[in-house]
Amino acid sequence: MLALLLEQTLLEFLQTPNKLAGMVVAALGLALAVLSRKIAKVARKQKPAANDPLYLSLLGIALCMIMVGLIMTIF
C-alpha cells in the first residue's frame, strides 16, 4: 500500500476522481455550514434562534456532507 502512494506524485494522487469528488462535497458542506444561519435568516425573515428547526437541519446536512466528503477522500 505504501509503495503505491510513493510511486504517485501528490498532484496525481489528488487528481483521482474520488479524491476530487470528496473534496468538492466537503467544501460544499463547509460552505453550507458557514452560511446556514444566513439562509435560515432569509427564509424566516428574522434572526434564527439556536433551536430553529430549519437552522438545525441545514447544519445537520452540512455536517453529513463534510463527513461523507472526508470519507470519500480517504477511500
Protein backbone atom coordinates (compact mmCIF):
# COMPACT_ATOMS: atom_id res chain seq x y z
CA MET A 1 0.00 0.00 0.00
CA LEU A 2 2.78 2.41 0.90
CA ALA A 3 4.59 1.61 -2.34
CA LEU A 4 1.51 2.65 -4.33
CA LEU A 5 1.44 6.02 -2.61
CA LEU A 6 5.15 6.59 -3.10
CA GLU A 7 5.01 5.95 -6.85
CA GLN A 8 2.47 8.69 -7.48
CA THR A 9 3.14 12.38 -7.05
CA LEU A 10 0.87 14.36 -4.79
CA LEU A 11 -0.77 16.02 -7.80
CA GLU A 12 -1.56 12.64 -9.40
CA PHE A 13 -2.88 11.34 -6.08
CA LEU A 14 -5.24 14.29 -5.61
CA GLN A 15 -6.46 14.18 -9.23
CA THR A 16 -8.15 10.80 -8.86
CA PRO A 17 -11.93 11.15 -9.29
CA ASN A 18 -12.94 10.00 -5.82
CA LYS A 19 -10.47 12.39 -4.15
CA LEU A 20 -11.71 15.33 -6.21
CA ALA A 21 -15.37 14.49 -5.59
CA GLY A 22 -14.73 14.09 -1.88
CA MET A 23 -13.01 17.45 -1.64
CA VAL A 24 -15.82 19.16 -3.56
CA VAL A 25 -18.52 17.61 -1.35
CA ALA A 26 -16.60 18.55 1.81
CA ALA A 27 -16.11 22.13 0.56
CA LEU A 28 -19.83 22.46 -0.23
CA GLY A 29 -20.67 21.11 3.22
CA LEU A 30 -18.33 23.62 4.83
CA ALA A 31 -19.88 26.45 2.85
CA LEU A 32 -23.38 25.32 3.83
CA ALA A 33 -22.34 25.13 7.49
CA VAL A 34 -20.99 28.67 7.38
CA LEU A 35 -24.00 30.09 5.51
CA SER A 36 -26.75 28.13 7.27
CA ARG A 37 -27.54 30.93 9.74
CA LYS A 38 -27.91 33.46 6.92
CA ILE A 39 -30.06 31.06 4.88
CA ALA A 40 -32.32 30.48 7.87
CA LYS A 41 -32.50 34.24 8.49
CA VAL A 42 -33.59 34.91 4.90
CA ALA A 43 -36.15 32.08 4.98
CA ARG A 44 -37.66 33.08 8.33
CA LYS A 45 -37.36 36.88 7.85
CA GLN A 46 -35.97 37.11 11.39
CA LYS A 47 -32.87 36.10 13.30
CA PRO A 48 -32.96 32.30 13.83
CA ALA A 49 -32.95 31.04 17.38
CA ALA A 50 -30.49 28.37 18.50
CA ASN A 51 -33.22 25.70 18.29
CA ASP A 52 -34.73 26.73 14.94
CA PRO A 53 -35.56 23.51 13.04
CA LEU A 54 -34.51 24.93 9.65
CA TYR A 55 -31.17 26.11 11.01
CA LEU A 56 -30.50 22.80 12.75
CA SER A 57 -31.45 20.75 9.70
CA LEU A 58 -29.16 22.83 7.47
CA LEU A 59 -26.33 22.33 9.96
CA GLY A 60 -27.02 18.60 10.09
CA ILE A 61 -27.00 18.30 6.32
CA ALA A 62 -23.79 20.32 6.14
CA LEU A 63 -22.05 18.17 8.73
CA CYS A 64 -23.15 15.00 6.94
CA MET A 65 -21.80 16.39 3.67
CA ILE A 66 -18.46 17.15 5.33
CA MET A 67 -18.27 13.66 6.80
CA VAL A 68 -19.19 11.96 3.50
CA GLY A 69 -16.68 14.12 1.65
CA LEU A 70 -13.90 13.22 4.06
CA ILE A 71 -14.75 9.53 3.84
CA MET A 72 -14.74 9.72 0.03
CA THR A 73 -11.36 11.45 0.14
CA ILE A 74 -9.83 8.83 2.43
CA PHE A 75 -11.01 5.78 0.47
